[in-house]
Structure formats: structure tokens, C-alpha cells
Amino acid sequence: MNEDEMRKRLEVLRIEHRDLDAAIDALTAGGGNDQLQIARLKKRKLRLKDQIAMIEDYLIPDIIA
């Protein structure tokens, strides 16, 4: 995967992460008692966060001061 593809993938992951956040908020605010569904969405959101961090670490090198 080249750098442009990684940047596109990063944007897709960020959008999906925001969408999951909105879905979790909607389920929680709606008074839904489907805790299993909420837990699954949160778990998926954490996996996305890990993928985002991994791609960001690759694209943005550490600066040695």
C-alpha cells in the first residue's frame, strides 16, 4: 500500500469511527437497553482507533529533538 492509499484508508477509518460514535450516542440517548449491541459498537470503535493510530504512526514519523 503506498502513501496515497494509506491516506485515503485513514480518512475512511476516521469517518467510520465518527459514525460509530454517533450510533453509540444515539443508542445510549434513545434509552435502548441493548447493552450487547452498544458493547459491540464500542469494541469495533476501539479496533478502528488502533488501526488509525497505526497508519498515523507510519505516515507521521517521530521527530527526534
N, C-alpha and C. Protein backbone atom coordinates (compact mmCIF):
# COMPACT_ATOMS: atom_id res chain seq x y z
N MET A 1 0.86 -1.17 0.00
CA MET A 1 0.00 0.00 0.00
C MET A 1 0.90 1.24 0.00
N ASN A 2 0.68 2.12 -0.95
CA ASN A 2 1.51 3.32 -1.00
C ASN A 2 0.93 4.41 -0.09
N GLU A 3 1.63 5.53 0.00
CA GLU A 3 1.24 6.58 0.94
C GLU A 3 -0.13 7.19 0.62
N ASP A 4 -0.44 7.39 -0.65
CA ASP A 4 -1.75 7.95 -1.02
C ASP A 4 -2.88 7.01 -0.61
N GLU A 5 -2.69 5.73 -0.84
CA GLU A 5 -3.70 4.75 -0.45
C GLU A 5 -3.88 4.72 1.06
N MET A 6 -2.77 4.85 1.78
CA MET A 6 -2.84 4.87 3.24
C MET A 6 -3.59 6.10 3.74
N ARG A 7 -3.37 7.23 3.09
CA ARG A 7 -4.09 8.45 3.49
C ARG A 7 -5.59 8.33 3.22
N LYS A 8 -5.95 7.73 2.09
CA LYS A 8 -7.37 7.50 1.78
C LYS A 8 -7.99 6.54 2.78
N ARG A 9 -7.27 5.47 3.10
CA ARG A 9 -7.75 4.49 4.08
C ARG A 9 -7.92 5.15 5.45
N LEU A 10 -6.99 6.02 5.80
CA LEU A 10 -7.06 6.73 7.07
C LEU A 10 -8.33 7.57 7.15
N GLU A 11 -8.64 8.27 6.07
CA GLU A 11 -9.85 9.10 6.05
C GLU A 11 -11.11 8.24 6.18
N VAL A 12 -11.15 7.11 5.49
CA VAL A 12 -12.30 6.20 5.58
C VAL A 12 -12.46 5.70 7.01
N LEU A 13 -11.36 5.34 7.64
CA LEU A 13 -11.41 4.84 9.02
C LEU A 13 -11.89 5.93 9.98
N ARG A 14 -11.44 7.16 9.77
CA ARG A 14 -11.88 8.26 10.63
C ARG A 14 -13.37 8.52 10.49
N ILE A 15 -13.88 8.45 9.27
CA ILE A 15 -15.31 8.64 9.04
C ILE A 15 -16.11 7.53 9.72
N GLU A 16 -15.66 6.30 9.56
CA GLU A 16 -16.35 5.17 10.19
C GLU A 16 -16.31 5.30 11.72
N HIS A 17 -15.19 5.77 12.25
CA HIS A 17 -15.05 5.97 13.69
C HIS A 17 -16.07 7.00 14.19
N ARG A 18 -16.21 8.11 13.46
CA ARG A 18 -17.19 9.15 13.83
C ARG A 18 -18.61 8.60 13.73
N ASP A 19 -18.89 7.82 12.70
CA ASP A 19 -20.21 7.24 12.53
C ASP A 19 -20.56 6.29 13.68
N LEU A 20 -19.59 5.50 14.09
CA LEU A 20 -19.82 4.60 15.22
C LEU A 20 -20.06 5.40 16.50
N ASP A 21 -19.33 6.47 16.67
CA ASP A 21 -19.53 7.32 17.84
C ASP A 21 -20.95 7.86 17.87
N ALA A 22 -21.44 8.31 16.72
CA ALA A 22 -22.80 8.83 16.64
C ALA A 22 -23.82 7.72 16.90
N ALA A 23 -23.58 6.54 16.39
CA ALA A 23 -24.50 5.42 16.60
C ALA A 23 -24.56 5.03 18.08
N ILE A 24 -23.41 5.01 18.73
CA ILE A 24 -23.36 4.69 20.16
C ILE A 24 -24.12 5.75 20.95
N ASP A 25 -23.90 7.01 20.63
CA ASP A 25 -24.62 8.09 21.31
C ASP A 25 -26.12 7.98 21.11
N ALA A 26 -26.54 7.65 19.89
CA ALA A 26 -27.97 7.53 19.60
C ALA A 26 -28.59 6.37 20.38
N LEU A 27 -27.90 5.25 20.43
CA LEU A 27 -28.43 4.10 21.18
C LEU A 27 -28.50 4.41 22.68
N THR A 28 -27.50 5.08 23.18
CA THR A 28 -27.47 5.42 24.61
C THR A 28 -28.54 6.45 24.94
N ALA A 29 -28.67 7.48 24.11
CA ALA A 29 -29.63 8.55 24.37
C ALA A 29 -31.07 8.07 24.17
N GLY A 30 -31.24 7.10 23.28
CA GLY A 30 -32.58 6.60 22.99
C GLY A 30 -33.15 5.72 24.09
N GLY A 31 -32.37 5.50 25.12
CA GLY A 31 -32.86 4.69 26.22
C GLY A 31 -32.86 3.22 25.90
N GLY A 32 -32.18 2.87 24.82
CA GLY A 32 -32.13 1.46 24.45
C GLY A 32 -31.38 0.64 25.47
N ASN A 33 -31.89 -0.49 25.77
CA ASN A 33 -31.26 -1.36 26.75
C ASN A 33 -30.45 -2.46 26.08
N ASP A 34 -30.10 -2.25 24.84
CA ASP A 34 -29.34 -3.26 24.10
C ASP A 34 -27.86 -3.08 24.40
N GLN A 35 -27.46 -3.46 25.58
CA GLN A 35 -26.08 -3.27 26.02
C GLN A 35 -25.10 -4.09 25.19
N LEU A 36 -25.54 -5.24 24.71
CA LEU A 36 -24.67 -6.08 23.89
C LEU A 36 -24.32 -5.37 22.58
N GLN A 37 -25.30 -4.76 21.96
CA GLN A 37 -25.06 -4.03 20.72
C GLN A 37 -24.14 -2.84 20.96
N ILE A 38 -24.37 -2.13 22.06
CA ILE A 38 -23.52 -0.99 22.39
C ILE A 38 -22.09 -1.45 22.63
N ALA A 39 -21.92 -2.55 23.35
CA ALA A 39 -20.59 -3.09 23.62
C ALA A 39 -19.88 -3.49 22.33
N ARG A 40 -20.61 -4.09 21.40
CA ARG A 40 -20.03 -4.48 20.11
C ARG A 40 -19.57 -3.27 19.32
N LEU A 41 -20.40 -2.21 19.33
CA LEU A 41 -20.03 -1.00 18.61
C LEU A 41 -18.80 -0.35 19.24
N LYS A 42 -18.74 -0.34 20.56
CA LYS A 42 -17.57 0.24 21.24
C LYS A 42 -16.31 -0.56 20.94
N LYS A 43 -16.44 -1.87 20.88
CA LYS A 43 -15.29 -2.71 20.57
C LYS A 43 -14.79 -2.44 19.15
N ARG A 44 -15.73 -2.32 18.22
CA ARG A 44 -15.38 -2.01 16.84
C ARG A 44 -14.71 -0.64 16.76
N LYS A 45 -15.23 0.31 17.52
CA LYS A 45 -14.67 1.65 17.54
C LYS A 45 -13.22 1.64 18.04
N LEU A 46 -12.95 0.83 19.07
CA LEU A 46 -11.58 0.72 19.58
C LEU A 46 -10.64 0.09 18.56
N ARG A 47 -11.12 -0.91 17.81
CA ARG A 47 -10.29 -1.51 16.76
C ARG A 47 -9.97 -0.49 15.69
N LEU A 48 -10.96 0.33 15.33
CA LEU A 48 -10.72 1.38 14.34
C LEU A 48 -9.70 2.38 14.85
N LYS A 49 -9.81 2.74 16.13
CA LYS A 49 -8.86 3.69 16.72
C LYS A 49 -7.44 3.14 16.64
N ASP A 50 -7.29 1.85 16.91
CA ASP A 50 -5.97 1.22 16.81
C ASP A 50 -5.43 1.25 15.39
N GLN A 51 -6.30 0.96 14.41
CA GLN A 51 -5.89 1.00 13.01
C GLN A 51 -5.49 2.42 12.59
N ILE A 52 -6.27 3.40 13.04
CA ILE A 52 -5.98 4.80 12.73
C ILE A 52 -4.61 5.17 13.31
N ALA A 53 -4.37 4.80 14.55
CA ALA A 53 -3.10 5.13 15.20
C ALA A 53 -1.93 4.46 14.48
N MET A 54 -2.12 3.24 14.03
CA MET A 54 -1.04 2.53 13.34
C MET A 54 -0.69 3.22 12.03
N ILE A 55 -1.70 3.63 11.27
CA ILE A 55 -1.45 4.31 10.00
C ILE A 55 -0.83 5.68 10.24
N GLU A 56 -1.35 6.41 11.24
CA GLU A 56 -0.78 7.73 11.55
C GLU A 56 0.68 7.61 11.96
N ASP A 57 1.01 6.59 12.75
CA ASP A 57 2.40 6.40 13.16
C ASP A 57 3.31 6.14 11.96
N TYR A 58 2.79 5.45 10.98
CA TYR A 58 3.58 5.15 9.78
C TYR A 58 3.75 6.41 8.95
N LEU A 59 2.66 7.19 8.80
CA LEU A 59 2.70 8.37 7.93
C LEU A 59 3.41 9.56 8.57
N ILE A 60 3.35 9.67 9.88
CA ILE A 60 3.94 10.80 10.57
C ILE A 60 5.11 10.28 11.40
N PRO A 61 6.32 10.39 10.90
CA PRO A 61 7.47 9.86 11.64
C PRO A 61 7.72 10.67 12.91
N ASP A 62 8.34 10.01 13.88
CA ASP A 62 8.71 10.69 15.13
C ASP A 62 9.80 11.71 14.84
N ILE A 63 9.70 12.84 15.51
CA ILE A 63 10.71 13.89 15.36
C ILE A 63 11.67 13.76 16.54
N ILE A 64 12.91 13.58 16.21
CA ILE A 64 13.92 13.47 17.25
C ILE A 64 14.44 14.86 17.57
N ALA A 65 14.26 15.28 18.81
CA ALA A 65 14.65 16.64 19.20
C ALA A 65 16.06 16.66 19.73
